[in-house]
PDB file of all heavy atoms in Angstrom:
ATOM      1  N   ALA A   1      74.447  61.777  72.691  1.00  0.00           N
ATOM      2  CA  ALA A   1      74.700  62.982  71.894  1.00  0.00           C
ATOM      3  C   ALA A   1      73.422  63.775  71.642  1.00  0.00           C
ATOM      4  O   ALA A   1      73.488  64.991  71.401  1.00  0.00           O
ATOM      5  CB  ALA A   1      75.350  62.595  70.563  1.00  0.00           C
ATOM      6  N   MET A   2      72.264  63.132  71.699  1.00  0.00           N
ATOM      7  CA  MET A   2      71.017  63.846  71.461  1.00  0.00           C
ATOM      8  C   MET A   2      70.736  64.899  72.531  1.00  0.00           C
ATOM      9  O   MET A   2      69.937  65.811  72.309  1.00  0.00           O
ATOM     10  CB  MET A   2      69.863  62.858  71.366  1.00  0.00           C
ATOM     11  CG  MET A   2      69.938  61.971  70.150  1.00  0.00           C
ATOM     12  SD  MET A   2      68.425  61.012  69.884  1.00  0.00           S
ATOM     13  CE  MET A   2      68.423  59.966  71.331  1.00  0.00           C
ATOM     14  N   ILE A   3      71.365  64.776  73.686  1.00  0.00           N
ATOM     15  CA  ILE A   3      71.186  65.787  74.729  1.00  0.00           C
ATOM     16  C   ILE A   3      71.728  67.124  74.246  1.00  0.00           C
ATOM     17  O   ILE A   3      71.223  68.177  74.621  1.00  0.00           O
ATOM     18  CB  ILE A   3      71.860  65.333  76.032  1.00  0.00           C
ATOM     19  CG1 ILE A   3      71.172  64.052  76.547  1.00  0.00           C
ATOM     20  CG2 ILE A   3      71.824  66.423  77.096  1.00  0.00           C
ATOM     21  CD1 ILE A   3      71.856  63.420  77.747  1.00  0.00           C
ATOM     22  N   GLY A   4      72.789  67.071  73.428  1.00  0.00           N
ATOM     23  CA  GLY A   4      73.249  68.273  72.754  1.00  0.00           C
ATOM     24  C   GLY A   4      74.280  69.091  73.487  1.00  0.00           C
ATOM     25  O   GLY A   4      74.531  70.246  73.132  1.00  0.00           O
ATOM     26  N   ILE A   5      74.913  68.536  74.522  1.00  0.00           N
ATOM     27  CA  ILE A   5      75.958  69.257  75.260  1.00  0.00           C
ATOM     28  C   ILE A   5      77.216  68.397  75.309  1.00  0.00           C
ATOM     29  O   ILE A   5      77.149  67.170  75.164  1.00  0.00           O
ATOM     30  CB  ILE A   5      75.497  69.610  76.694  1.00  0.00           C
ATOM     31  CG1 ILE A   5      75.102  68.347  77.475  1.00  0.00           C
ATOM     32  CG2 ILE A   5      74.329  70.611  76.655  1.00  0.00           C
ATOM     33  CD1 ILE A   5      74.703  68.615  78.920  1.00  0.00           C
ATOM     34  N   PRO A   6      78.405  69.007  75.501  1.00  0.00           N
ATOM     35  CA  PRO A   6      79.625  68.199  75.623  1.00  0.00           C
ATOM     36  C   PRO A   6      79.480  67.162  76.737  1.00  0.00           C
ATOM     37  O   PRO A   6      78.910  67.460  77.798  1.00  0.00           O
ATOM     38  CB  PRO A   6      80.697  69.241  75.963  1.00  0.00           C
ATOM     39  CG  PRO A   6      80.172  70.526  75.412  1.00  0.00           C
ATOM     40  CD  PRO A   6      78.683  70.450  75.584  1.00  0.00           C
ATOM     41  N   TRP A   7      80.007  65.960  76.474  1.00  0.00           N
ATOM     42  CA  TRP A   7      79.814  64.871  77.434  1.00  0.00           C
ATOM     43  C   TRP A   7      81.150  64.178  77.726  1.00  0.00           C
ATOM     44  O   TRP A   7      81.797  63.639  76.836  1.00  0.00           O
ATOM     45  CB  TRP A   7      78.821  63.851  76.890  1.00  0.00           C
ATOM     46  CG  TRP A   7      78.164  63.099  78.012  1.00  0.00           C
ATOM     47  CD1 TRP A   7      78.600  61.944  78.594  1.00  0.00           C
ATOM     48  CD2 TRP A   7      76.975  63.484  78.701  1.00  0.00           C
ATOM     49  NE1 TRP A   7      77.750  61.581  79.610  1.00  0.00           N
ATOM     50  CE2 TRP A   7      76.746  62.508  79.705  1.00  0.00           C
ATOM     51  CE3 TRP A   7      76.093  64.549  78.582  1.00  0.00           C
ATOM     52  CZ2 TRP A   7      75.642  62.574  80.567  1.00  0.00           C
ATOM     53  CZ3 TRP A   7      75.001  64.611  79.438  1.00  0.00           C
ATOM     54  CH2 TRP A   7      74.791  63.630  80.421  1.00  0.00           C
ATOM     55  N   TYR A   8      81.540  64.230  78.995  1.00  0.00           N
ATOM     56  CA  TYR A   8      82.760  63.571  79.455  1.00  0.00           C
ATOM     57  C   TYR A   8      82.421  62.193  80.029  1.00  0.00           C
ATOM     58  O   TYR A   8      81.292  61.947  80.468  1.00  0.00           O
ATOM     59  CB  TYR A   8      83.451  64.413  80.523  1.00  0.00           C
ATOM     60  CG  TYR A   8      83.978  65.733  80.010  1.00  0.00           C
ATOM     61  CD1 TYR A   8      83.194  66.893  80.076  1.00  0.00           C
ATOM     62  CD2 TYR A   8      85.253  65.841  79.463  1.00  0.00           C
ATOM     63  CE1 TYR A   8      83.672  68.115  79.601  1.00  0.00           C
ATOM     64  CE2 TYR A   8      85.741  67.053  78.997  1.00  0.00           C
ATOM     65  CZ  TYR A   8      84.940  68.190  79.064  1.00  0.00           C
ATOM     66  OH  TYR A   8      85.409  69.382  78.596  1.00  0.00           O
ATOM     67  N   ASN A   9      83.403  61.308  80.045  1.00  0.00           N
ATOM     68  CA  ASN A   9      83.168  59.933  80.485  1.00  0.00           C
ATOM     69  C   ASN A   9      84.275  59.450  81.418  1.00  0.00           C
ATOM     70  O   ASN A   9      85.454  59.720  81.194  1.00  0.00           O
ATOM     71  CB  ASN A   9      83.070  58.996  79.281  1.00  0.00           C
ATOM     72  CG  ASN A   9      81.787  59.213  78.502  1.00  0.00           C
ATOM     73  OD1 ASN A   9      80.764  58.621  78.802  1.00  0.00           O
ATOM     74  ND2 ASN A   9      81.835  60.088  77.498  1.00  0.00           N
ATOM     75  N   VAL A  10      83.842  58.725  82.451  1.00  0.00           N
ATOM     76  CA  VAL A  10      84.729  58.082  83.416  1.00  0.00           C
ATOM     77  C   VAL A  10      84.666  56.583  83.153  1.00  0.00           C
ATOM     78  O   VAL A  10      83.594  56.045  82.846  1.00  0.00           O
ATOM     79  CB  VAL A  10      84.284  58.414  84.851  1.00  0.00           C
ATOM     80  CG1 VAL A  10      85.085  57.618  85.880  1.00  0.00           C
ATOM     81  CG2 VAL A  10      84.399  59.913  85.114  1.00  0.00           C
ATOM     82  N   ILE A  11      85.769  55.905  83.282  1.00  0.00           N
ATOM     83  CA  ILE A  11      85.782  54.465  83.019  1.00  0.00           C
ATOM     84  C   ILE A  11      85.270  53.692  84.234  1.00  0.00           C
ATOM     85  O   ILE A  11      85.525  54.052  85.382  1.00  0.00           O
ATOM     86  CB  ILE A  11      87.213  53.996  82.633  1.00  0.00           C
ATOM     87  CG1 ILE A  11      87.169  52.595  82.023  1.00  0.00           C
ATOM     88  CG2 ILE A  11      88.163  54.082  83.819  1.00  0.00           C
ATOM     89  CD1 ILE A  11      88.475  52.185  81.357  1.00  0.00           C
ATOM     90  N   GLY A  12      84.501  52.619  83.954  1.00  0.00           N
ATOM     91  CA  GLY A  12      83.987  51.740  85.001  1.00  0.00           C
ATOM     92  C   GLY A  12      84.460  50.320  84.814  1.00  0.00           C
ATOM     93  O   GLY A  12      85.063  49.980  83.783  1.00  0.00           O
ATOM     94  N   ASN A  13      84.159  49.459  85.763  1.00  0.00           N
ATOM     95  CA  ASN A  13      84.647  48.081  85.690  1.00  0.00           C
ATOM     96  C   ASN A  13      83.973  47.273  84.584  1.00  0.00           C
ATOM     97  O   ASN A  13      84.479  46.217  84.185  1.00  0.00           O
ATOM     98  CB  ASN A  13      84.449  47.373  87.031  1.00  0.00           C
ATOM     99  CG  ASN A  13      83.027  47.410  87.533  1.00  0.00           C
ATOM    100  OD1 ASN A  13      82.550  48.466  87.954  1.00  0.00           O
ATOM    101  ND2 ASN A  13      82.336  46.288  87.500  1.00  0.00           N
ATOM    102  N   HIS A  14      82.841  47.749  84.051  1.00  0.00           N
ATOM    103  CA  HIS A  14      82.196  47.070  82.922  1.00  0.00           C
ATOM    104  C   HIS A  14      82.559  47.702  81.586  1.00  0.00           C
ATOM    105  O   HIS A  14      81.964  47.366  80.554  1.00  0.00           O
ATOM    106  CB  HIS A  14      80.683  47.051  83.104  1.00  0.00           C
ATOM    107  CG  HIS A  14      80.217  46.104  84.173  1.00  0.00           C
ATOM    108  ND1 HIS A  14      80.230  44.739  84.021  1.00  0.00           N
ATOM    109  CD2 HIS A  14      79.750  46.335  85.428  1.00  0.00           C
ATOM    110  CE1 HIS A  14      79.775  44.158  85.123  1.00  0.00           C
ATOM    111  NE2 HIS A  14      79.483  45.116  85.997  1.00  0.00           N
ATOM    112  N   ASP A  15      83.519  48.634  81.601  1.00  0.00           N
ATOM    113  CA  ASP A  15      83.954  49.327  80.385  1.00  0.00           C
ATOM    114  C   ASP A  15      85.353  48.908  79.952  1.00  0.00           C
ATOM    115  O   ASP A  15      85.946  49.549  79.082  1.00  0.00           O
ATOM    116  CB  ASP A  15      83.953  50.847  80.618  1.00  0.00           C
ATOM    117  CG  ASP A  15      82.602  51.366  81.050  1.00  0.00           C
ATOM    118  OD1 ASP A  15      81.589  50.849  80.558  1.00  0.00           O
ATOM    119  OD2 ASP A  15      82.568  52.292  81.900  1.00  0.00           O
ATOM    120  N   ILE A  16      85.889  47.861  80.534  1.00  0.00           N
ATOM    121  CA  ILE A  16      87.278  47.486  80.279  1.00  0.00           C
ATOM    122  C   ILE A  16      87.348  46.219  79.433  1.00  0.00           C
ATOM    123  O   ILE A  16      86.370  45.481  79.287  1.00  0.00           O
ATOM    124  CB  ILE A  16      88.056  47.289  81.596  1.00  0.00           C
ATOM    125  CG1 ILE A  16      87.447  46.156  82.428  1.00  0.00           C
ATOM    126  CG2 ILE A  16      88.071  48.581  82.403  1.00  0.00           C
ATOM    127  CD1 ILE A  16      88.225  45.854  83.711  1.00  0.00           C
ATOM    128  N   ASN A  17      88.538  45.973  78.884  1.00  0.00           N
ATOM    129  CA  ASN A  17      88.799  44.744  78.128  1.00  0.00           C
ATOM    130  C   ASN A  17      89.088  43.627  79.116  1.00  0.00           C
ATOM    131  O   ASN A  17      90.186  43.545  79.692  1.00  0.00           O
ATOM    132  CB  ASN A  17      89.974  44.941  77.184  1.00  0.00           C
ATOM    133  CG  ASN A  17      89.700  46.010  76.143  1.00  0.00           C
ATOM    134  OD1 ASN A  17      90.004  47.185  76.332  1.00  0.00           O
ATOM    135  ND2 ASN A  17      89.106  45.606  75.032  1.00  0.00           N
ATOM    136  N   LEU A  18      88.115  42.757  79.318  1.00  0.00           N
ATOM    137  CA  LEU A  18      88.244  41.713  80.335  1.00  0.00           C
ATOM    138  C   LEU A  18      89.236  40.627  79.948  1.00  0.00           C
ATOM    139  O   LEU A  18      89.605  39.804  80.791  1.00  0.00           O
ATOM    140  CB  LEU A  18      86.873  41.091  80.611  1.00  0.00           C
ATOM    141  CG  LEU A  18      85.822  42.064  81.174  1.00  0.00           C
ATOM    142  CD1 LEU A  18      84.466  41.374  81.289  1.00  0.00           C
ATOM    143  CD2 LEU A  18      86.250  42.601  82.538  1.00  0.00           C
ATOM    144  N   ASP A  19      89.671  40.610  78.678  1.00  0.00           N
ATOM    145  CA  ASP A  19      90.679  39.642  78.264  1.00  0.00           C
ATOM    146  C   ASP A  19      92.088  40.227  78.322  1.00  0.00           C
ATOM    147  O   ASP A  19      93.051  39.588  77.883  1.00  0.00           O
ATOM    148  CB  ASP A  19      90.383  39.114  76.859  1.00  0.00           C
ATOM    149  CG  ASP A  19      90.185  40.228  75.832  1.00  0.00           C
ATOM    150  OD1 ASP A  19      90.110  41.406  76.239  1.00  0.00           O
ATOM    151  OD2 ASP A  19      90.081  39.913  74.627  1.00  0.00           O
ATOM    152  N   ALA A  20      92.221  41.436  78.870  1.00  0.00           N
ATOM    153  CA  ALA A  20      93.540  42.076  78.962  1.00  0.00           C
ATOM    154  C   ALA A  20      94.387  41.379  80.024  1.00  0.00           C
ATOM    155  O   ALA A  20      93.883  40.970  81.077  1.00  0.00           O
ATOM    156  CB  ALA A  20      93.385  43.556  79.313  1.00  0.00           C
ATOM    157  N   PRO A  21      95.696  41.254  79.782  1.00  0.00           N
ATOM    158  CA  PRO A  21      96.565  40.580  80.756  1.00  0.00           C
ATOM    159  C   PRO A  21      96.901  41.448  81.966  1.00  0.00           C
ATOM    160  O   PRO A  21      97.374  40.927  82.975  1.00  0.00           O
ATOM    161  CB  PRO A  21      97.819  40.257  79.940  1.00  0.00           C
ATOM    162  CG  PRO A  21      97.858  41.322  78.882  1.00  0.00           C
ATOM    163  CD  PRO A  21      96.429  41.609  78.555  1.00  0.00           C
ATOM    164  N   ASN A  22      96.685  42.769  81.855  1.00  0.00           N
ATOM    165  CA  ASN A  22      97.052  43.655  82.959  1.00  0.00           C
ATOM    166  C   ASN A  22      96.228  44.934  82.887  1.00  0.00           C
ATOM    167  O   ASN A  22      95.472  45.160  81.938  1.00  0.00           O
ATOM    168  CB  ASN A  22      98.553  43.963  82.924  1.00  0.00           C
ATOM    169  CG  ASN A  22      98.994  44.506  81.575  1.00  0.00           C
ATOM    170  OD1 ASN A  22      98.407  45.439  81.033  1.00  0.00           O
ATOM    171  ND2 ASN A  22     100.041  43.908  81.000  1.00  0.00           N
ATOM    172  N   ASP A  23      96.398  45.773  83.887  1.00  0.00           N
ATOM    173  CA  ASP A  23      95.615  47.005  83.969  1.00  0.00           C
ATOM    174  C   ASP A  23      95.958  47.965  82.837  1.00  0.00           C
ATOM    175  O   ASP A  23      95.069  48.637  82.290  1.00  0.00           O
ATOM    176  CB  ASP A  23      95.870  47.666  85.327  1.00  0.00           C
ATOM    177  CG  ASP A  23      94.985  48.877  85.551  1.00  0.00           C
ATOM    178  OD1 ASP A  23      93.756  48.721  85.509  1.00  0.00           O
ATOM    179  OD2 ASP A  23      95.519  49.977  85.775  1.00  0.00           O
ATOM    180  N   LYS A  24      97.222  48.043  82.452  1.00  0.00           N
ATOM    181  CA  LYS A  24      97.664  48.970  81.421  1.00  0.00           C
ATOM    182  C   LYS A  24      96.919  48.771  80.115  1.00  0.00           C
ATOM    183  O   LYS A  24      96.570  49.735  79.420  1.00  0.00           O
ATOM    184  CB  LYS A  24      99.173  48.821  81.209  1.00  0.00           C
ATOM    185  CG  LYS A  24      99.755  49.655  80.076  1.00  0.00           C
ATOM    186  CD  LYS A  24      99.745  51.133  80.381  1.00  0.00           C
ATOM    187  CE  LYS A  24     100.444  51.937  79.302  1.00  0.00           C
ATOM    188  NZ  LYS A  24     100.347  53.411  79.539  1.00  0.00           N
ATOM    189  N   LEU A  25      96.646  47.511  79.766  1.00  0.00           N
ATOM    190  CA  LEU A  25      96.022  47.197  78.488  1.00  0.00           C
ATOM    191  C   LEU A  25      94.510  47.001  78.596  1.00  0.00           C
ATOM    192  O   LEU A  25      93.865  46.656  77.602  1.00  0.00           O
ATOM    193  CB  LEU A  25      96.663  45.941  77.893  1.00  0.00           C
ATOM    194  CG  LEU A  25      98.151  46.064  77.532  1.00  0.00           C
ATOM    195  CD1 LEU A  25      98.694  44.730  77.050  1.00  0.00           C
ATOM    196  CD2 LEU A  25      98.357  47.155  76.473  1.00  0.00           C
ATOM    197  N   SER A  26      93.944  47.232  79.764  1.00  0.00           N
ATOM    198  CA  SER A  26      92.516  46.989  79.945  1.00  0.00           C
ATOM    199  C   SER A  26      91.651  48.142  79.452  1.00  0.00           C
ATOM    200  O   SER A  26      90.424  48.018  79.388  1.00  0.00           O
ATOM    201  CB  SER A  26      92.203  46.718  81.424  1.00  0.00           C
ATOM    202  OG  SER A  26      92.437  47.884  82.212  1.00  0.00           O
TER     203      SER A  26
END
C-alpha cells in the first residue's frame, strides 16, 4: 500500500488453504 496506487492480486499456489478438501474451498 505504500506504493500508493490501486493494487490488484492474482492467486498463486502458495496463497491457498492447503488443508482444503477441494479446489472450491481452497
